[in-house]
């Protein structure tokens, strides 16, 4: 005669309290702390994302397109606090004996050189030391083709290759 194995139950306060309908005392504390940590992490994540969005929006001040003689967009320029990013829409080639120079065109004033720029390829080129005072009164940007080393007398000497749409504050 074989007997079925007996199931041995061990005393566990958690399971015994479930049978009685009440959870153990420390179960509520664990659940509350778990919930609180989830909310703390969620709040931190939202705060970090908000700071990133605010930081990104403050940096980009203006955006402008440089156009060729046929009014086709050639270069998109993003104006930041202390530099420009240029995103060419097509490859731009120059001779080794010439340079591209960027100018800020102002109302009733001479153009102000913002410096030489490297020949633009399909990537972007940045200008690191743009003075905001030069751009403050500018109504448009222009790129001229200058002899090697740029304009000698502070004024454009070569032909204007590209001119921008009007800058907006």
N, C-alpha and C. Protein backbone atom coordinates (compact mmCIF):
# COMPACT_ATOMS: atom_id res chain seq x y z
N UNK A 1 0.82 -1.15 0.00
CA UNK A 1 0.00 0.00 0.00
C UNK A 1 0.88 1.24 0.00
N UNK A 2 0.72 2.02 -1.02
CA UNK A 2 1.56 3.22 -1.08
C UNK A 2 0.74 4.44 -0.69
N UNK A 3 1.39 5.29 -0.03
CA UNK A 3 0.70 6.51 0.40
C UNK A 3 1.24 7.69 -0.39
N UNK A 4 0.39 8.62 -0.63
CA UNK A 4 0.80 9.83 -1.36
C UNK A 4 1.74 10.65 -0.50
N UNK A 5 2.73 11.30 -1.13
CA UNK A 5 3.64 12.11 -0.32
C UNK A 5 2.88 13.24 0.34
N UNK A 6 3.28 13.52 1.52
CA UNK A 6 2.62 14.59 2.28
C UNK A 6 3.25 15.92 1.91
N UNK A 7 2.45 16.90 1.81
CA UNK A 7 2.91 18.25 1.54
C UNK A 7 3.16 18.92 2.88
N UNK A 8 4.38 19.34 3.06
CA UNK A 8 4.73 19.96 4.32
C UNK A 8 4.67 21.47 4.15
N UNK A 9 3.92 22.13 4.96
CA UNK A 9 3.81 23.58 4.91
C UNK A 9 4.67 24.18 6.00
N UNK A 10 5.44 25.15 5.60
CA UNK A 10 6.26 25.85 6.57
C UNK A 10 5.56 27.13 6.95
N UNK A 11 5.81 27.57 8.13
CA UNK A 11 5.16 28.79 8.60
C UNK A 11 5.85 30.00 7.96
N UNK A 12 5.08 30.78 7.24
CA UNK A 12 5.58 32.02 6.63
C UNK A 12 4.59 33.11 7.00
N UNK A 13 5.04 34.16 7.69
CA UNK A 13 4.09 35.19 8.13
C UNK A 13 3.39 35.88 6.97
N UNK A 14 4.08 36.02 5.83
CA UNK A 14 3.47 36.69 4.69
C UNK A 14 2.28 35.89 4.19
N UNK A 15 2.50 34.59 3.97
CA UNK A 15 1.43 33.76 3.45
C UNK A 15 0.31 33.58 4.47
N UNK A 16 0.66 33.53 5.71
CA UNK A 16 -0.38 33.38 6.72
C UNK A 16 -1.22 34.65 6.80
N UNK A 17 -0.59 35.81 6.60
CA UNK A 17 -1.38 37.05 6.63
C UNK A 17 -2.25 37.17 5.40
N UNK A 18 -1.81 36.62 4.26
CA UNK A 18 -2.65 36.64 3.07
C UNK A 18 -3.90 35.80 3.29
N UNK A 19 -3.71 34.71 3.96
CA UNK A 19 -4.87 33.88 4.24
C UNK A 19 -5.84 34.60 5.16
N UNK A 20 -5.33 35.47 5.98
CA UNK A 20 -6.19 36.19 6.90
C UNK A 20 -6.74 37.46 6.26
N UNK A 21 -6.20 37.87 5.08
CA UNK A 21 -6.72 39.03 4.39
C UNK A 21 -5.97 40.32 4.65
N UNK A 22 -4.90 40.29 5.40
CA UNK A 22 -4.13 41.51 5.66
C UNK A 22 -2.68 41.28 5.26
N UNK A 23 -2.08 42.23 4.56
CA UNK A 23 -0.67 42.08 4.18
C UNK A 23 0.22 42.34 5.39
N UNK A 24 1.45 41.90 5.33
CA UNK A 24 2.36 42.18 6.44
C UNK A 24 2.63 43.67 6.54
N UNK A 25 3.09 44.11 7.67
CA UNK A 25 3.27 45.54 7.95
C UNK A 25 4.32 46.17 7.05
N UNK A 26 5.39 45.47 6.72
CA UNK A 26 6.45 46.08 5.91
C UNK A 26 6.13 46.09 4.42
N UNK A 27 5.10 45.43 3.96
CA UNK A 27 4.75 45.42 2.54
C UNK A 27 4.33 46.80 2.07
N UNK A 28 3.59 47.54 2.85
CA UNK A 28 3.17 48.88 2.46
C UNK A 28 4.36 49.82 2.37
N UNK A 29 5.32 49.70 3.27
CA UNK A 29 6.50 50.57 3.24
C UNK A 29 7.32 50.32 1.98
N UNK A 30 7.52 49.05 1.63
CA UNK A 30 8.30 48.73 0.43
C UNK A 30 7.62 49.27 -0.82
N UNK A 31 6.33 49.12 -0.92
CA UNK A 31 5.59 49.59 -2.09
C UNK A 31 5.66 51.11 -2.20
N UNK A 32 5.48 51.80 -1.09
CA UNK A 32 5.53 53.27 -1.12
C UNK A 32 6.91 53.75 -1.54
N UNK A 33 7.98 53.16 -1.04
CA UNK A 33 9.33 53.58 -1.41
C UNK A 33 9.62 53.27 -2.87
N UNK A 34 9.13 52.13 -3.34
CA UNK A 34 9.33 51.81 -4.76
C UNK A 34 8.62 52.84 -5.64
N UNK A 35 7.42 53.17 -5.29
CA UNK A 35 6.67 54.16 -6.07
C UNK A 35 7.37 55.52 -6.02
N UNK A 36 7.87 55.90 -4.86
CA UNK A 36 8.53 57.19 -4.73
C UNK A 36 9.79 57.24 -5.60
N UNK A 37 10.56 56.18 -5.64
CA UNK A 37 11.78 56.19 -6.45
C UNK A 37 11.44 56.29 -7.93
N UNK A 38 10.37 55.66 -8.36
CA UNK A 38 9.94 55.78 -9.76
C UNK A 38 9.61 57.23 -10.08
N UNK A 39 8.88 57.89 -9.20
CA UNK A 39 8.52 59.29 -9.44
C UNK A 39 9.73 60.21 -9.38
N UNK A 40 10.67 59.92 -8.49
CA UNK A 40 11.89 60.74 -8.42
C UNK A 40 12.67 60.62 -9.72
N UNK A 41 12.84 59.39 -10.22
CA UNK A 41 13.56 59.20 -11.48
C UNK A 41 12.81 59.84 -12.65
N UNK A 42 11.51 59.72 -12.67
CA UNK A 42 10.73 60.34 -13.74
C UNK A 42 10.86 61.86 -13.69
N UNK A 43 10.82 62.44 -12.51
CA UNK A 43 10.97 63.89 -12.36
C UNK A 43 12.35 64.35 -12.81
N UNK A 44 13.38 63.61 -12.44
CA UNK A 44 14.73 63.96 -12.87
C UNK A 44 14.87 63.89 -14.38
N UNK A 45 14.30 62.87 -14.99
CA UNK A 45 14.35 62.73 -16.44
C UNK A 45 13.64 63.90 -17.12
N UNK A 46 12.48 64.26 -16.65
CA UNK A 46 11.74 65.39 -17.22
C UNK A 46 12.53 66.68 -17.06
N UNK A 47 13.15 66.88 -15.89
CA UNK A 47 13.95 68.07 -15.66
C UNK A 47 15.14 68.16 -16.59
N UNK A 48 15.84 67.05 -16.78
CA UNK A 48 17.00 67.04 -17.68
C UNK A 48 16.56 67.31 -19.12
N UNK A 49 15.48 66.69 -19.55
CA UNK A 49 14.98 66.93 -20.91
C UNK A 49 14.57 68.39 -21.10
N UNK A 50 13.94 68.98 -20.10
CA UNK A 50 13.55 70.40 -20.19
C UNK A 50 14.78 71.29 -20.30
N UNK A 51 15.81 71.01 -19.54
CA UNK A 51 17.05 71.81 -19.62
C UNK A 51 17.70 71.68 -20.99
N UNK A 52 17.70 70.48 -21.56
CA UNK A 52 18.28 70.29 -22.89
C UNK A 52 17.51 71.10 -23.92
N UNK A 53 16.19 71.06 -23.87
CA UNK A 53 15.38 71.81 -24.84
C UNK A 53 15.61 73.30 -24.69
N UNK A 54 15.63 73.80 -23.45
CA UNK A 54 15.87 75.23 -23.22
C UNK A 54 17.25 75.62 -23.72
N UNK A 55 18.26 74.82 -23.43
CA UNK A 55 19.63 75.12 -23.85
C UNK A 55 19.74 75.15 -25.36
N UNK A 56 19.11 74.20 -26.04
CA UNK A 56 19.15 74.15 -27.50
C UNK A 56 18.47 75.37 -28.11
N UNK A 57 17.33 75.77 -27.57
CA UNK A 57 16.60 76.89 -28.13
C UNK A 57 17.31 78.21 -27.91
N UNK A 58 18.03 78.38 -26.82
CA UNK A 58 18.73 79.63 -26.57
C UNK A 58 19.94 79.78 -27.48
N UNK A 59 20.54 78.70 -27.88
CA UNK A 59 21.77 78.78 -28.66
C UNK A 59 21.52 79.24 -30.09
N UNK A 60 20.53 78.68 -30.76
CA UNK A 60 20.27 79.05 -32.15
C UNK A 60 19.52 80.36 -32.18
N UNK A 61 20.17 81.40 -32.72
CA UNK A 61 19.54 82.71 -32.73
C UNK A 61 18.77 82.96 -34.03
N UNK A 62 19.44 82.69 -35.15
CA UNK A 62 18.80 82.94 -36.44
C UNK A 62 19.23 81.89 -37.44
N UNK A 63 18.45 81.81 -38.50
CA UNK A 63 18.75 80.89 -39.59
C UNK A 63 18.49 81.63 -40.89
N UNK A 64 19.39 81.46 -41.85
CA UNK A 64 19.28 82.20 -43.10
C UNK A 64 19.79 81.32 -44.25
N UNK A 65 19.30 81.58 -45.45
CA UNK A 65 19.75 80.86 -46.64
C UNK A 65 20.56 81.80 -47.52
N UNK A 66 21.71 81.33 -48.00
CA UNK A 66 22.49 82.06 -48.99
C UNK A 66 22.06 81.55 -50.36
N UNK A 67 21.81 82.48 -51.27
CA UNK A 67 21.28 82.15 -52.59
C UNK A 67 22.30 82.51 -53.66
N UNK A 68 22.26 81.77 -54.78
CA UNK A 68 23.14 82.12 -55.89
C UNK A 68 22.46 83.17 -56.77
N UNK A 69 23.06 83.49 -57.91
CA UNK A 69 22.54 84.55 -58.79
C UNK A 69 21.16 84.21 -59.34
N UNK A 70 20.82 82.93 -59.40
CA UNK A 70 19.50 82.51 -59.91
C UNK A 70 18.50 82.30 -58.78
N UNK A 71 18.82 82.79 -57.59
CA UNK A 71 17.95 82.70 -56.40
C UNK A 71 17.70 81.26 -55.96
N UNK A 72 18.65 80.38 -56.25
CA UNK A 72 18.56 79.00 -55.76
C UNK A 72 19.30 78.90 -54.44
N UNK A 73 18.74 78.20 -53.45
CA UNK A 73 19.44 78.06 -52.17
C UNK A 73 20.73 77.25 -52.34
N UNK A 74 21.82 77.79 -51.81
CA UNK A 74 23.11 77.14 -51.92
C UNK A 74 23.63 76.71 -50.56
N UNK A 75 23.48 77.58 -49.55
CA UNK A 75 24.02 77.30 -48.22
C UNK A 75 23.00 77.74 -47.17
N UNK A 76 22.73 76.86 -46.21
CA UNK A 76 21.94 77.25 -45.04
C UNK A 76 22.91 77.64 -43.94
N UNK A 77 22.67 78.79 -43.32
CA UNK A 77 23.55 79.28 -42.25
C UNK A 77 22.74 79.36 -40.96
N UNK A 78 23.23 78.68 -39.92
CA UNK A 78 22.65 78.77 -38.59
C UNK A 78 23.54 79.70 -37.77
N UNK A 79 22.97 80.77 -37.23
CA UNK A 79 23.72 81.75 -36.45
C UNK A 79 23.50 81.45 -34.98
N UNK A 80 24.59 81.14 -34.29
CA UNK A 80 24.56 80.85 -32.86
C UNK A 80 25.16 82.04 -32.11
N UNK A 81 25.30 81.91 -30.79
CA UNK A 81 25.84 83.01 -29.99
C UNK A 81 27.24 83.40 -30.40
N UNK A 82 28.11 82.44 -30.66
CA UNK A 82 29.51 82.76 -30.92
C UNK A 82 30.10 82.08 -32.15
N UNK A 83 29.27 81.52 -32.99
CA UNK A 83 29.78 80.92 -34.22
C UNK A 83 28.63 80.71 -35.20
N UNK A 84 29.01 80.40 -36.42
CA UNK A 84 28.05 80.08 -37.48
C UNK A 84 28.28 78.64 -37.90
N UNK A 85 27.21 77.98 -38.30
CA UNK A 85 27.33 76.67 -38.94
C UNK A 85 26.76 76.82 -40.34
N UNK A 86 27.51 76.32 -41.29
CA UNK A 86 27.08 76.43 -42.68
C UNK A 86 26.83 75.03 -43.23
N UNK A 87 25.67 74.86 -43.83
CA UNK A 87 25.27 73.57 -44.40
C UNK A 87 25.05 73.76 -45.89
N UNK A 88 26.05 73.43 -46.71
CA UNK A 88 25.88 73.62 -48.16
C UNK A 88 24.86 72.64 -48.72
N UNK A 89 24.11 73.12 -49.67
CA UNK A 89 23.13 72.28 -50.35
C UNK A 89 23.75 71.59 -51.56
N UNK A 90 24.94 72.03 -51.94
CA UNK A 90 25.68 71.43 -53.05
C UNK A 90 27.17 71.68 -52.80
N UNK A 91 28.03 70.95 -53.50
CA UNK A 91 29.48 71.13 -53.33
C UNK A 91 29.91 72.47 -53.93
N UNK A 92 30.83 73.14 -53.23
CA UNK A 92 31.34 74.43 -53.69
C UNK A 92 32.85 74.29 -53.86
N UNK A 93 33.34 74.57 -55.06
CA UNK A 93 34.77 74.45 -55.34
C UNK A 93 35.37 75.83 -55.60
N UNK A 94 36.60 76.01 -55.15
CA UNK A 94 37.33 77.25 -55.42
C UNK A 94 38.71 76.89 -55.93
N UNK A 95 39.33 77.84 -56.64
CA UNK A 95 40.70 77.64 -57.09
C UNK A 95 41.65 77.77 -55.91
N UNK A 96 42.85 77.18 -56.03
CA UNK A 96 43.82 77.25 -54.93
C UNK A 96 44.32 78.67 -54.71
N UNK A 97 44.18 79.53 -55.69
CA UNK A 97 44.68 80.91 -55.57
C UNK A 97 43.64 81.86 -55.00
N UNK A 98 42.51 81.34 -54.57
CA UNK A 98 41.46 82.22 -54.05
C UNK A 98 40.86 81.64 -52.76
N UNK A 99 40.19 82.52 -52.03
CA UNK A 99 39.52 82.15 -50.78
C UNK A 99 38.09 82.67 -50.80
N UNK A 100 37.25 82.03 -50.00
CA UNK A 100 35.89 82.53 -49.80
C UNK A 100 35.87 83.38 -48.53
N UNK A 101 35.24 84.55 -48.61
CA UNK A 101 35.16 85.43 -47.45
C UNK A 101 33.70 85.74 -47.16
N UNK A 102 33.35 85.69 -45.89
CA UNK A 102 31.98 85.94 -45.45
C UNK A 102 31.86 87.38 -44.97
N UNK A 103 30.78 88.05 -45.39
CA UNK A 103 30.57 89.46 -45.05
C UNK A 103 29.21 89.67 -44.42
N UNK A 104 29.15 90.61 -43.49
CA UNK A 104 27.88 91.07 -42.93
C UNK A 104 27.55 92.38 -43.62
N UNK A 105 26.42 92.42 -44.32
CA UNK A 105 26.01 93.63 -45.04
C UNK A 105 25.07 94.42 -44.14
N UNK A 106 25.41 95.69 -43.93
CA UNK A 106 24.64 96.54 -43.03
C UNK A 106 24.03 97.70 -43.82
N UNK A 107 22.93 98.24 -43.30
CA UNK A 107 22.30 99.40 -43.92
C UNK A 107 23.21 100.61 -43.75
N UNK A 108 23.40 101.38 -44.82
CA UNK A 108 24.14 102.64 -44.78
C UNK A 108 25.53 102.50 -44.17
N UNK A 109 26.16 101.37 -44.33
CA UNK A 109 27.51 101.17 -43.81
C UNK A 109 28.26 100.21 -44.72
N UNK A 110 29.57 100.23 -44.60
CA UNK A 110 30.39 99.32 -45.39
C UNK A 110 30.22 97.89 -44.89
N UNK A 111 30.39 96.92 -45.78
CA UNK A 111 30.33 95.53 -45.34
C UNK A 111 31.41 95.23 -44.30
N UNK A 112 31.09 94.36 -43.37
CA UNK A 112 32.03 93.97 -42.32
C UNK A 112 32.44 92.52 -42.56
N UNK A 113 33.75 92.28 -42.65
CA UNK A 113 34.24 90.93 -42.87
C UNK A 113 34.05 90.09 -41.61
N UNK A 114 33.50 88.91 -41.79
CA UNK A 114 33.36 87.95 -40.70
C UNK A 114 34.43 86.88 -40.78
N UNK A 115 35.32 87.01 -41.75
CA UNK A 115 36.45 86.09 -41.85
C UNK A 115 36.39 85.20 -43.07
N UNK A 116 37.51 84.53 -43.29
CA UNK A 116 37.61 83.58 -44.39
C UNK A 116 36.96 82.27 -43.98
N UNK A 117 36.40 81.61 -44.94
CA UNK A 117 35.82 80.29 -44.67
C UNK A 117 36.48 79.28 -45.58
N UNK A 118 36.58 78.08 -45.10
CA UNK A 118 37.19 77.03 -45.91
C UNK A 118 36.24 76.66 -47.04
N UNK A 119 36.80 76.14 -48.14
CA UNK A 119 35.89 75.69 -49.21
C UNK A 119 34.91 74.67 -48.64
N UNK A 120 33.67 74.90 -48.93
CA UNK A 120 32.62 74.06 -48.35
C UNK A 120 32.44 72.80 -49.18
N UNK A 121 32.37 71.70 -48.49
CA UNK A 121 32.06 70.44 -49.15
C UNK A 121 30.64 70.05 -48.75
N UNK A 122 30.32 68.80 -48.87
CA UNK A 122 28.98 68.36 -48.50
C UNK A 122 28.73 68.43 -47.00
N UNK A 123 29.79 68.59 -46.20
CA UNK A 123 29.63 68.73 -44.76
C UNK A 123 29.47 70.20 -44.41
N UNK A 124 29.39 70.49 -43.11
CA UNK A 124 29.26 71.87 -42.67
C UNK A 124 30.62 72.42 -42.29
N UNK A 125 30.72 73.72 -42.33
CA UNK A 125 31.93 74.41 -41.89
C UNK A 125 31.54 75.40 -40.83
N UNK A 126 32.32 75.48 -39.79
CA UNK A 126 32.02 76.41 -38.71
C UNK A 126 33.00 77.57 -38.68
N UNK A 127 32.54 78.72 -38.29
CA UNK A 127 33.39 79.88 -38.07
C UNK A 127 33.34 80.14 -36.58
N UNK A 128 34.49 80.04 -35.92
CA UNK A 128 34.50 80.07 -34.46
C UNK A 128 34.46 81.46 -33.85
N UNK A 129 35.03 82.47 -34.46
CA UNK A 129 35.21 83.75 -33.79
C UNK A 129 34.38 84.86 -34.44
N UNK A 130 33.12 84.61 -34.57
CA UNK A 130 32.22 85.61 -35.13
C UNK A 130 31.83 86.58 -34.03
N UNK A 131 32.03 87.85 -34.26
CA UNK A 131 31.65 88.85 -33.26
C UNK A 131 30.18 89.20 -33.45
N UNK A 132 29.44 89.12 -32.37
CA UNK A 132 28.02 89.44 -32.44
C UNK A 132 27.77 90.89 -32.81
N UNK A 133 28.68 91.79 -32.46
CA UNK A 133 28.50 93.20 -32.82
C UNK A 133 28.49 93.38 -34.33
N UNK A 134 29.26 92.56 -35.05
CA UNK A 134 29.26 92.64 -36.51
C UNK A 134 27.95 92.16 -37.09
N UNK A 135 27.35 91.18 -36.45
CA UNK A 135 26.09 90.64 -36.95
C UNK A 135 24.87 91.40 -36.45
N UNK A 136 25.05 92.18 -35.39
CA UNK A 136 23.90 92.84 -34.76
C UNK A 136 23.16 93.76 -35.73
N UNK A 137 23.89 94.59 -36.45
CA UNK A 137 23.24 95.51 -37.38
C UNK A 137 23.13 94.97 -38.79
N UNK A 138 23.56 93.74 -39.01
CA UNK A 138 23.57 93.18 -40.36
C UNK A 138 22.15 92.89 -40.84
N UNK A 139 21.92 93.18 -42.10
CA UNK A 139 20.64 92.86 -42.73
C UNK A 139 20.74 91.63 -43.61
N UNK A 140 21.96 91.37 -44.12
CA UNK A 140 22.18 90.21 -44.97
C UNK A 140 23.61 89.71 -44.80
N UNK A 141 23.85 88.49 -45.23
CA UNK A 141 25.19 87.93 -45.31
C UNK A 141 25.53 87.73 -46.77
N UNK A 142 26.82 87.78 -47.09
CA UNK A 142 27.27 87.54 -48.46
C UNK A 142 28.59 86.79 -48.42
N UNK A 143 28.84 86.02 -49.46
CA UNK A 143 30.13 85.34 -49.64
C UNK A 143 30.72 85.84 -50.94
N UNK A 144 31.97 86.31 -50.86
CA UNK A 144 32.68 86.77 -52.05
C UNK A 144 33.87 85.86 -52.31
N UNK A 145 34.32 85.88 -53.56
CA UNK A 145 35.51 85.15 -53.95
C UNK A 145 36.66 86.15 -53.94
N UNK A 146 37.59 85.98 -53.04
CA UNK A 146 38.70 86.92 -52.87
C UNK A 146 40.02 86.24 -53.22
N UNK A 147 41.05 87.07 -53.44
CA UNK A 147 42.38 86.51 -53.67
C UNK A 147 42.85 85.79 -52.41
N UNK A 148 43.87 84.99 -52.53
CA UNK A 148 44.38 84.21 -51.39
C UNK A 148 44.69 85.13 -50.22
N UNK A 149 44.14 84.80 -49.04
CA UNK A 149 44.36 85.62 -47.85
C UNK A 149 43.22 86.58 -47.58
N UNK A 150 42.28 86.71 -48.48
CA UNK A 150 41.12 87.57 -48.26
C UNK A 150 41.32 88.99 -48.76
N UNK A 151 40.31 89.80 -48.56
CA UNK A 151 40.34 91.20 -49.01
C UNK A 151 41.42 91.95 -48.24
N UNK A 152 42.28 92.67 -48.97
CA UNK A 152 43.43 93.33 -48.35
C UNK A 152 43.07 94.61 -47.62
N UNK A 153 42.08 95.35 -48.06
CA UNK A 153 41.77 96.66 -47.48
C UNK A 153 40.49 96.66 -46.65
N UNK A 154 40.02 95.50 -46.27
CA UNK A 154 38.83 95.43 -45.42
C UNK A 154 37.52 95.57 -46.17
N UNK A 155 37.59 95.68 -47.49
CA UNK A 155 36.39 95.78 -48.31
C UNK A 155 36.43 94.69 -49.38
N UNK A 156 35.28 94.16 -49.78
CA UNK A 156 35.28 93.10 -50.79
C UNK A 156 35.87 93.59 -52.11
N UNK A 157 36.75 92.78 -52.67
CA UNK A 157 37.38 93.09 -53.96
C UNK A 157 36.86 92.19 -55.07
N UNK A 158 36.54 90.95 -54.72
CA UNK A 158 36.12 89.98 -55.72
C UNK A 158 34.62 89.98 -55.93
N UNK A 159 34.18 89.12 -56.83
CA UNK A 159 32.75 89.04 -57.13
C UNK A 159 31.96 88.41 -55.97
N UNK A 160 30.71 88.84 -55.84
CA UNK A 160 29.82 88.26 -54.84
C UNK A 160 29.23 86.98 -55.42
N UNK A 161 29.51 85.87 -54.76
CA UNK A 161 29.01 84.58 -55.23
C UNK A 161 27.61 84.29 -54.71
N UNK A 162 27.40 84.56 -53.41
CA UNK A 162 26.14 84.22 -52.77
C UNK A 162 25.73 85.35 -51.85
N UNK A 163 24.42 85.59 -51.80
CA UNK A 163 23.88 86.60 -50.89
C UNK A 163 22.67 85.99 -50.18
N UNK A 164 22.47 86.39 -48.94
CA UNK A 164 21.44 85.74 -48.13
C UNK A 164 20.08 86.40 -48.28
N UNK A 165 19.11 85.68 -47.82
CA UNK A 165 17.79 86.26 -47.60
C UNK A 165 17.93 87.23 -46.43
N UNK A 166 17.01 88.17 -46.24
CA UNK A 166 17.15 89.13 -45.13
C UNK A 166 17.20 88.43 -43.77
N UNK A 167 18.08 88.93 -42.91
CA UNK A 167 18.19 88.41 -41.55
C UNK A 167 17.06 88.96 -40.72
N UNK A 168 16.52 88.12 -39.85
CA UNK A 168 15.48 88.57 -38.93
C UNK A 168 15.97 88.37 -37.52
N UNK A 169 15.64 89.31 -36.65
CA UNK A 169 16.03 89.19 -35.24
C UNK A 169 15.15 88.18 -34.55
